[in-house]
C-alpha atoms as a PDB file:
ATOM      1  CA  MET A   1      21.090  82.763  20.187  1.00  0.00           C
ATOM      2  CA  GLU A   2      19.222  85.976  19.444  1.00  0.00           C
ATOM      3  CA  GLU A   3      18.834  88.602  22.115  1.00  0.00           C
ATOM      4  CA  LYS A   4      15.366  88.886  23.615  1.00  0.00           C
ATOM      5  CA  TYR A   5      13.500  92.171  23.557  1.00  0.00           C
ATOM      6  CA  SER A   6      15.687  94.571  25.506  1.00  0.00           C
ATOM      7  CA  ASP A   7      14.764  97.727  27.357  1.00  0.00           C
ATOM      8  CA  SER A   8      16.112 100.282  24.935  1.00  0.00           C
ATOM      9  CA  GLY A   9      14.098 103.011  26.615  1.00  0.00           C
ATOM     10  CA  MET A  10      12.380 103.732  23.307  1.00  0.00           C
ATOM     11  CA  ASP A  11       9.432 101.405  23.854  1.00  0.00           C
ATOM     12  CA  LYS A  12       8.510 102.211  27.417  1.00  0.00           C
ATOM     13  CA  LEU A  13       4.801 102.690  26.734  1.00  0.00           C
ATOM     14  CA  LEU A  14       4.431  99.520  24.660  1.00  0.00           C
ATOM     15  CA  LYS A  15       5.932  97.500  27.502  1.00  0.00           C
ATOM     16  CA  THR A  16       3.102  98.637  29.800  1.00  0.00           C
ATOM     17  CA  ILE A  17       0.414  97.233  27.501  1.00  0.00           C
ATOM     18  CA  SER A  18      -0.527  93.613  28.107  1.00  0.00           C
ATOM     19  CA  GLN A  19      -4.232  93.650  27.301  1.00  0.00           C
ATOM     20  CA  PRO A  20      -6.611  95.806  25.239  1.00  0.00           C
ATOM     21  CA  GLN A  21      -7.987  97.648  28.283  1.00  0.00           C
ATOM     22  CA  ASP A  22      -4.532  99.143  28.874  1.00  0.00           C
ATOM     23  CA  VAL A  23      -4.970 101.268  25.723  1.00  0.00           C
ATOM     24  CA  GLN A  24      -8.286 102.809  26.757  1.00  0.00           C
ATOM     25  CA  HIS A  25      -6.859 105.228  29.337  1.00  0.00           C
ATOM     26  CA  LEU A  26      -4.179 106.680  27.017  1.00  0.00           C
ATOM     27  CA  ASN A  27      -4.387 110.299  25.829  1.00  0.00           C
ATOM     28  CA  LEU A  28      -3.765 111.431  22.244  1.00  0.00           C
ATOM     29  CA  ASN A  29      -0.029 112.027  22.696  1.00  0.00           C
ATOM     30  CA  GLU A  30       0.376 108.611  24.303  1.00  0.00           C
ATOM     31  CA  LEU A  31      -1.606 106.970  21.498  1.00  0.00           C
ATOM     32  CA  MET A  32       0.702 108.588  18.942  1.00  0.00           C
ATOM     33  CA  GLN A  33       3.737 107.462  20.939  1.00  0.00           C
ATOM     34  CA  LEU A  34       2.322 103.932  21.125  1.00  0.00           C
ATOM     35  CA  ALA A  35       1.843 103.878  17.344  1.00  0.00           C
ATOM     36  CA  GLY A  36       5.493 104.803  16.833  1.00  0.00           C
ATOM     37  CA  GLU A  37       6.644 102.172  19.306  1.00  0.00           C
ATOM     38  CA  CYS A  38       4.513  99.499  17.611  1.00  0.00           C
ATOM     39  CA  ARG A  39       5.937 100.440  14.211  1.00  0.00           C
ATOM     40  CA  ARG A  40       9.512 100.218  15.527  1.00  0.00           C
ATOM     41  CA  ARG A  41       8.833  96.871  17.149  1.00  0.00           C
ATOM     42  CA  ILE A  42       7.252  95.394  14.013  1.00  0.00           C
ATOM     43  CA  ILE A  43      10.126  96.630  11.834  1.00  0.00           C
ATOM     44  CA  GLU A  44      12.716  95.374  14.345  1.00  0.00           C
ATOM     45  CA  VAL A  45      11.275  91.867  14.469  1.00  0.00           C
ATOM     46  CA  THR A  46      10.295  91.388  10.824  1.00  0.00           C
ATOM     47  CA  SER A  47      13.701  92.601   9.638  1.00  0.00           C
ATOM     48  CA  LYS A  48      15.269  89.721  11.604  1.00  0.00           C
ATOM     49  CA  ARG A  49      12.577  87.033  11.537  1.00  0.00           C
ATOM     50  CA  GLY A  50      10.617  87.649   8.359  1.00  0.00           C
ATOM     51  CA  GLY A  51       6.890  88.140   8.262  1.00  0.00           C
ATOM     52  CA  HIS A  52       4.540  90.604   6.643  1.00  0.00           C
ATOM     53  CA  LEU A  53       5.670  94.180   7.064  1.00  0.00           C
ATOM     54  CA  ALA A  54       3.586  96.453   4.818  1.00  0.00           C
ATOM     55  CA  SER A  55       0.099  95.303   5.754  1.00  0.00           C
ATOM     56  CA  SER A  56       0.987  95.355   9.448  1.00  0.00           C
ATOM     57  CA  LEU A  57       2.415  98.871   9.293  1.00  0.00           C
ATOM     58  CA  GLY A  58      -0.645 100.008   7.363  1.00  0.00           C
ATOM     59  CA  ALA A  59      -2.932  98.855  10.172  1.00  0.00           C
ATOM     60  CA  VAL A  60      -1.124 100.303  13.225  1.00  0.00           C
ATOM     61  CA  GLU A  61      -3.291 103.382  13.791  1.00  0.00           C
ATOM     62  CA  ILE A  62      -6.610 101.694  13.045  1.00  0.00           C
ATOM     63  CA  THR A  63      -5.723  98.869  15.427  1.00  0.00           C
ATOM     64  CA  ILE A  64      -4.914 101.298  18.222  1.00  0.00           C
ATOM     65  CA  ALA A  65      -8.128 103.244  17.519  1.00  0.00           C
ATOM     66  CA  LEU A  66     -10.198 100.053  17.727  1.00  0.00           C
ATOM     67  CA  PHE A  67      -8.546  99.139  21.023  1.00  0.00           C
ATOM     68  CA  LYS A  68      -9.207 102.657  22.345  1.00  0.00           C
ATOM     69  CA  LEU A  69     -12.873 102.781  21.355  1.00  0.00           C
ATOM     70  CA  PHE A  70     -14.187  99.254  21.812  1.00  0.00           C
ATOM     71  CA  ASP A  71     -14.463  96.909  24.779  1.00  0.00           C
ATOM     72  CA  LEU A  72     -12.603  93.905  23.444  1.00  0.00           C
ATOM     73  CA  GLU A  73     -13.802  91.734  26.304  1.00  0.00           C
ATOM     74  CA  ARG A  74     -17.233  92.077  24.676  1.00  0.00           C
ATOM     75  CA  ASP A  75     -16.648  93.339  21.126  1.00  0.00           C
ATOM     76  CA  ARG A  76     -14.858  91.240  18.532  1.00  0.00           C
ATOM     77  CA  ILE A  77     -12.411  92.487  15.937  1.00  0.00           C
ATOM     78  CA  VAL A  78     -12.372  90.360  12.805  1.00  0.00           C
ATOM     79  CA  TRP A  79      -9.171  90.768  10.797  1.00  0.00           C
ATOM     80  CA  ASP A  80      -9.187  89.943   7.101  1.00  0.00           C
ATOM     81  CA  VAL A  81      -5.696  88.444   7.178  1.00  0.00           C
ATOM     82  CA  GLY A  82      -3.241  87.759   9.958  1.00  0.00           C
ATOM     83  CA  HIS A  83      -0.742  89.988   8.156  1.00  0.00           C
ATOM     84  CA  GLN A  84      -2.694  93.018   9.380  1.00  0.00           C
ATOM     85  CA  ALA A  85      -2.690  91.914  12.990  1.00  0.00           C
ATOM     86  CA  TYR A  86       0.865  92.352  14.293  1.00  0.00           C
ATOM     87  CA  THR A  87      -0.113  95.452  16.310  1.00  0.00           C
ATOM     88  CA  HIS A  88      -3.083  93.483  17.632  1.00  0.00           C
ATOM     89  CA  LYS A  89      -0.635  90.788  18.749  1.00  0.00           C
ATOM     90  CA  LEU A  90       1.634  93.349  20.429  1.00  0.00           C
ATOM     91  CA  LEU A  91      -1.287  94.822  22.378  1.00  0.00           C
ATOM     92  CA  THR A  92      -2.780  91.483  23.463  1.00  0.00           C
ATOM     93  CA  GLY A  93       0.062  90.162  25.569  1.00  0.00           C
ATOM     94  CA  ARG A  94       2.462  88.891  22.907  1.00  0.00           C
ATOM     95  CA  ASN A  95       4.939  91.768  22.770  1.00  0.00           C
ATOM     96  CA  GLU A  96       7.507  90.148  25.039  1.00  0.00           C
ATOM     97  CA  ASN A  97       7.613  87.007  22.878  1.00  0.00           C
ATOM     98  CA  PHE A  98       7.211  88.779  19.529  1.00  0.00           C
ATOM     99  CA  ASP A  99      10.888  88.051  18.831  1.00  0.00           C
ATOM    100  CA  THR A 100       9.820  84.433  18.280  1.00  0.00           C
ATOM    101  CA  LEU A 101       7.646  85.356  15.276  1.00  0.00           C
ATOM    102  CA  THR A 102       7.882  82.607  12.634  1.00  0.00           C
ATOM    103  CA  GLU A 103       9.751  80.203  14.962  1.00  0.00           C
ATOM    104  CA  SER A 104       8.326  76.762  15.608  1.00  0.00           C
ATOM    105  CA  GLY A 105       6.388  77.157  18.853  1.00  0.00           C
ATOM    106  CA  GLY A 106       6.753  80.947  18.716  1.00  0.00           C
ATOM    107  CA  VAL A 107       4.305  83.738  17.959  1.00  0.00           C
ATOM    108  CA  LYS A 108       2.409  82.836  14.812  1.00  0.00           C
ATOM    109  CA  LYS A 109       2.305  85.049  11.705  1.00  0.00           C
ATOM    110  CA  PHE A 110      -1.450  84.524  11.576  1.00  0.00           C
ATOM    111  CA  LEU A 111      -4.231  84.733  14.151  1.00  0.00           C
ATOM    112  CA  SER A 112      -4.834  81.686  16.304  1.00  0.00           C
ATOM    113  CA  ARG A 113      -7.466  81.071  18.963  1.00  0.00           C
ATOM    114  CA  ASP A 114      -4.902  78.855  20.698  1.00  0.00           C
ATOM    115  CA  GLU A 115      -2.567  81.843  21.050  1.00  0.00           C
ATOM    116  CA  SER A 116      -4.962  84.455  22.457  1.00  0.00           C
ATOM    117  CA  SER A 117      -8.571  84.767  23.552  1.00  0.00           C
ATOM    118  CA  PHE A 118      -8.623  87.994  21.505  1.00  0.00           C
ATOM    119  CA  ASP A 119      -8.002  86.039  18.274  1.00  0.00           C
ATOM    120  CA  HIS A 120     -11.581  85.087  17.459  1.00  0.00           C
ATOM    121  CA  PHE A 121     -10.816  82.913  14.473  1.00  0.00           C
ATOM    122  CA  GLY A 122      -7.756  81.648  12.653  1.00  0.00           C
ATOM    123  CA  ALA A 123      -7.352  84.366  10.023  1.00  0.00           C
ATOM    124  CA  GLY A 124      -4.871  83.332   7.424  1.00  0.00           C
ATOM    125  CA  HIS A 125      -6.183  83.994   3.942  1.00  0.00           C
ATOM    126  CA  ALA A 126      -8.020  86.999   2.522  1.00  0.00           C
ATOM    127  CA  SER A 127     -11.824  87.079   2.553  1.00  0.00           C
ATOM    128  CA  THR A 128     -12.394  84.291   5.079  1.00  0.00           C
ATOM    129  CA  SER A 129     -13.180  87.073   7.544  1.00  0.00           C
ATOM    130  CA  ILE A 130     -16.503  87.801   5.864  1.00  0.00           C
ATOM    131  CA  SER A 131     -17.800  84.306   6.544  1.00  0.00           C
ATOM    132  CA  ALA A 132     -16.353  84.321  10.055  1.00  0.00           C
ATOM    133  CA  ALA A 133     -17.966  87.672  10.915  1.00  0.00           C
ATOM    134  CA  LEU A 134     -21.334  86.524   9.582  1.00  0.00           C
ATOM    135  CA  GLY A 135     -21.084  83.406  11.698  1.00  0.00           C
ATOM    136  CA  MET A 136     -20.298  85.462  14.800  1.00  0.00           C
ATOM    137  CA  ALA A 137     -23.110  87.973  14.235  1.00  0.00           C
END
Protein backbone atom coordinates (compact mmCIF):
# COMPACT_ATOMS: atom_id res chain seq x y z
CA MET A 1 0.00 0.00 0.00
CA GLU A 2 1.33 3.42 -0.94
CA GLU A 3 1.99 5.99 1.73
CA LYS A 4 -0.50 8.84 1.90
CA TYR A 5 0.64 12.43 1.60
CA SER A 6 3.01 12.94 4.50
CA ASP A 7 4.00 16.12 6.29
CA SER A 8 7.46 16.58 4.88
CA GLY A 9 7.52 20.17 6.06
CA MET A 10 8.09 21.30 2.48
CA ASP A 11 4.42 21.79 1.61
CA LYS A 12 3.18 23.60 4.67
CA LEU A 13 1.42 26.37 2.76
CA LEU A 14 -0.31 24.04 0.30
CA LYS A 15 -1.76 22.07 3.20
CA THR A 16 -3.53 25.21 4.45
CA ILE A 17 -5.41 25.69 1.17
CA SER A 18 -8.73 23.89 0.92
CA GLN A 19 -10.75 26.33 -1.16
CA PRO A 20 -10.03 29.14 -3.64
CA GLN A 21 -10.66 31.90 -1.09
CA ASP A 22 -7.65 30.67 0.90
CA VAL A 23 -5.36 31.94 -1.89
CA GLN A 24 -6.72 35.48 -1.93
CA HIS A 25 -5.03 36.64 1.29
CA LEU A 26 -1.53 35.42 0.30
CA ASN A 27 1.27 37.91 -0.40
CA LEU A 28 3.69 37.67 -3.33
CA ASN A 29 6.29 35.59 -1.49
CA GLU A 30 3.61 33.18 -0.30
CA LEU A 31 2.19 32.91 -3.82
CA MET A 32 5.65 32.03 -5.14
CA GLN A 33 6.08 29.48 -2.34
CA LEU A 34 2.66 28.00 -3.15
CA ALA A 35 3.63 27.65 -6.82
CA GLY A 36 6.74 25.70 -5.85
CA GLU A 37 4.78 23.48 -3.49
CA CYS A 38 2.16 22.77 -6.18
CA ARG A 39 4.88 21.88 -8.68
CA ARG A 40 6.52 19.48 -6.20
CA ARG A 41 3.20 17.87 -5.39
CA ILE A 42 2.25 17.38 -9.05
CA ILE A 43 5.67 15.90 -9.86
CA GLU A 44 5.56 13.66 -6.77
CA VAL A 45 2.16 12.20 -7.63
CA THR A 46 2.47 11.92 -11.42
CA SER A 47 5.86 10.23 -11.12
CA LYS A 48 4.16 7.45 -9.12
CA ARG A 49 0.62 7.40 -10.50
CA GLY A 50 0.91 8.65 -14.07
CA GLY A 51 -1.05 11.55 -15.44
CA HIS A 52 -0.25 14.63 -17.46
CA LEU A 53 2.81 16.44 -16.19
CA ALA A 54 3.86 19.09 -18.72
CA SER A 55 0.55 20.85 -19.27
CA SER A 56 -0.13 20.90 -15.53
CA LEU A 57 3.27 22.36 -14.70
CA GLY A 58 2.81 24.95 -17.44
CA ALA A 59 -0.40 26.19 -15.82
CA VAL A 60 0.69 26.48 -12.16
CA GLU A 61 1.28 30.24 -12.02
CA ILE A 62 -1.72 31.21 -14.13
CA THR A 63 -3.96 29.01 -11.98
CA ILE A 64 -2.72 30.64 -8.79
CA ALA A 65 -3.13 34.11 -10.34
CA LEU A 66 -6.73 33.32 -11.32
CA PHE A 67 -7.47 32.10 -7.80
CA LYS A 68 -5.89 35.26 -6.35
CA LEU A 69 -7.76 37.71 -8.58
CA PHE A 70 -11.20 36.21 -9.09
CA ASP A 71 -14.04 35.25 -6.76
CA LEU A 72 -14.50 31.62 -7.71
CA GLU A 73 -17.76 31.41 -5.79
CA ARG A 74 -19.11 33.74 -8.49
CA ASP A 75 -16.64 33.62 -11.39
CA ARG A 76 -16.09 30.47 -13.41
CA ILE A 77 -12.78 29.22 -14.76
CA VAL A 78 -13.16 27.16 -17.91
CA TRP A 79 -10.18 24.90 -18.56
CA ASP A 80 -9.49 23.70 -22.08
CA VAL A 81 -8.37 20.25 -20.95
CA GLY A 82 -8.26 18.55 -17.58
CA HIS A 83 -4.52 18.09 -18.05
CA GLN A 84 -4.05 21.78 -17.23
CA ALA A 85 -6.06 21.61 -14.04
CA TYR A 86 -3.98 19.69 -11.50
CA THR A 87 -3.12 22.89 -9.58
CA HIS A 88 -6.82 23.78 -9.69
CA LYS A 89 -7.55 20.38 -8.13
CA LEU A 90 -4.91 20.91 -5.42
CA LEU A 91 -6.39 24.29 -4.49
CA THR A 92 -10.03 23.15 -4.46
CA GLY A 93 -9.90 20.62 -1.66
CA ARG A 94 -8.36 17.62 -3.42
CA ASN A 95 -4.75 17.91 -2.27
CA GLU A 96 -5.05 15.39 0.54
CA ASN A 97 -6.43 12.73 -1.83
CA PHE A 98 -4.29 13.69 -4.84
CA ASP A 99 -2.25 10.52 -4.25
CA THR A 100 -5.25 8.62 -5.62
CA LEU A 101 -4.94 10.26 -9.05
CA THR A 102 -5.80 7.71 -11.77
CA GLU A 103 -7.10 5.12 -9.26
CA SER A 104 -10.62 3.79 -9.63
CA GLY A 105 -12.68 5.96 -7.28
CA GLY A 106 -9.76 8.35 -6.78
CA VAL A 107 -9.09 11.88 -8.00
CA LYS A 108 -9.83 12.01 -11.70
CA LYS A 109 -7.28 13.12 -14.32
CA PHE A 110 -9.96 15.31 -15.87
CA LEU A 111 -12.44 17.81 -14.47
CA SER A 112 -15.69 16.45 -13.09
CA ARG A 113 -18.69 18.28 -11.67
CA ASP A 114 -19.22 15.25 -9.43
CA GLU A 115 -15.79 15.81 -7.87
CA SER A 116 -15.96 19.53 -7.10
CA SER A 117 -18.39 22.43 -7.35
CA PHE A 118 -15.46 24.39 -8.84
CA ASP A 119 -15.32 22.03 -11.85
CA HIS A 120 -17.95 23.69 -14.02
CA PHE A 121 -17.96 21.13 -16.79
CA GLY A 122 -16.29 17.82 -17.53
CA ALA A 123 -13.24 19.01 -19.45
CA GLY A 124 -11.50 16.12 -21.09
CA HIS A 125 -10.66 16.90 -24.69
CA ALA A 126 -9.23 20.04 -26.27
CA SER A 127 -11.58 22.73 -27.61
CA THR A 128 -14.75 21.59 -25.85
CA SER A 129 -14.15 24.51 -23.49
CA ILE A 130 -15.15 27.02 -26.15
CA SER A 131 -18.64 25.57 -26.45
CA ALA A 132 -18.93 25.18 -22.68
CA ALA A 133 -17.90 28.80 -22.03
CA LEU A 134 -20.36 30.09 -24.63
CA GLY A 135 -23.11 28.08 -23.00
CA MET A 136 -22.25 29.51 -19.58
CA ALA A 137 -22.07 33.12 -20.79
